């Protein structure tokens, strides 16, 4: 969890100001799915289930929603997935 929050903090400099952040797990998972168009069917369900244990507050969720797509996918799936 600490590692995930540190990674998020490091990526916030790459955030996009044009996306309307909701600060919710639903919004964060929508962003993840939008960034990964060929995602497996279960990715959204997994995201919604895991989100509360990774993000502890509204602000961190807004930060995630502002990430550019490659960073958003890498944050959830790991570095190899973002290169696809």
Protein backbone atom coordinates (compact mmCIF):
# COMPACT_ATOMS: atom_id res chain seq x y z
CA UNK A 1 0.00 0.00 0.00
CA UNK A 2 2.78 2.47 0.88
CA UNK A 3 4.51 1.62 -2.39
CA UNK A 4 1.32 2.27 -4.34
CA UNK A 5 0.82 5.66 -2.73
CA UNK A 6 4.46 6.61 -3.34
CA UNK A 7 4.12 5.60 -6.98
CA UNK A 8 0.98 7.69 -7.27
CA UNK A 9 2.70 10.69 -5.72
CA UNK A 10 5.54 10.34 -8.20
CA UNK A 11 3.15 10.20 -11.13
CA UNK A 12 1.05 13.21 -10.18
CA UNK A 13 3.39 15.41 -12.15
CA UNK A 14 2.17 13.57 -15.24
CA UNK A 15 -1.49 14.26 -14.56
CA UNK A 16 -3.86 15.72 -17.11
CA UNK A 17 -5.79 18.81 -16.06
CA UNK A 18 -8.47 18.25 -18.72
CA UNK A 19 -10.04 15.15 -17.18
CA UNK A 20 -12.86 15.80 -14.71
CA UNK A 21 -11.89 13.88 -11.60
CA UNK A 22 -14.65 12.46 -9.43
CA UNK A 23 -12.54 11.35 -6.48
CA UNK A 24 -14.41 8.03 -6.40
CA UNK A 25 -13.42 4.42 -7.03
CA UNK A 26 -15.97 4.31 -9.85
CA UNK A 27 -14.32 7.31 -11.52
CA UNK A 28 -10.84 5.88 -11.02
CA UNK A 29 -11.91 2.53 -12.48
CA UNK A 30 -13.65 4.25 -15.40
CA UNK A 31 -10.35 6.01 -16.14
CA UNK A 32 -8.44 2.73 -15.95
CA UNK A 33 -10.87 0.99 -18.30
CA UNK A 34 -10.87 3.94 -20.74
CA UNK A 35 -7.08 3.73 -20.80
CA UNK A 36 -7.12 0.00 -21.51
CA UNK A 37 -9.60 -0.54 -24.37
CA UNK A 38 -8.76 -4.23 -24.88
CA UNK A 39 -9.14 -5.05 -21.20
CA UNK A 40 -10.37 -8.46 -20.04
CA UNK A 41 -14.00 -8.53 -18.87
CA UNK A 42 -13.09 -8.91 -15.19
CA UNK A 43 -10.77 -5.88 -14.99
CA UNK A 44 -13.48 -3.41 -13.93
CA UNK A 45 -14.79 -5.76 -11.24
CA UNK A 46 -11.26 -6.34 -9.93
CA UNK A 47 -10.61 -2.60 -9.94
CA UNK A 48 -13.77 -1.79 -7.98
CA UNK A 49 -12.96 -4.52 -5.43
CA UNK A 50 -9.32 -3.52 -4.89
CA UNK A 51 -9.72 0.25 -5.05
CA UNK A 52 -10.73 0.90 -1.41
CA UNK A 53 -7.66 -0.95 -0.14
CA UNK A 54 -5.30 1.06 -2.37
CA UNK A 55 -6.77 4.55 -2.21
CA UNK A 56 -7.55 5.94 1.19
CA UNK A 57 -9.12 9.26 0.31
CA UNK A 58 -10.84 11.46 -2.22
CA UNK A 59 -7.64 13.34 -3.07
CA UNK A 60 -5.60 10.28 -3.96
CA UNK A 61 -8.43 9.06 -6.19
CA UNK A 62 -8.54 12.43 -7.95
CA UNK A 63 -4.79 12.17 -8.45
CA UNK A 64 -5.14 8.76 -10.05
CA UNK A 65 -7.92 9.98 -12.32
CA UNK A 66 -5.61 12.73 -13.56
CA UNK A 67 -2.83 10.39 -14.62
CA UNK A 68 -2.07 10.01 -18.29
CA UNK A 69 -3.20 6.63 -19.58
CA UNK A 70 0.18 4.90 -19.67
CA UNK A 71 0.78 5.83 -16.02
CA UNK A 72 -2.75 4.84 -14.97
CA UNK A 73 -2.42 1.37 -16.51
CA UNK A 74 1.09 0.90 -15.14
CA UNK A 75 -0.07 1.86 -11.65
CA UNK A 76 -2.73 -0.89 -11.68
CA UNK A 77 -1.13 -3.60 -13.83
CA UNK A 78 2.58 -3.00 -13.33
CA UNK A 79 5.28 -1.67 -15.66
CA UNK A 80 5.12 -4.39 -18.33
CA UNK A 81 1.42 -3.84 -19.00
CA UNK A 82 1.78 -0.15 -19.81
CA UNK A 83 4.12 -0.93 -22.69
CA UNK A 84 1.45 -2.88 -24.58
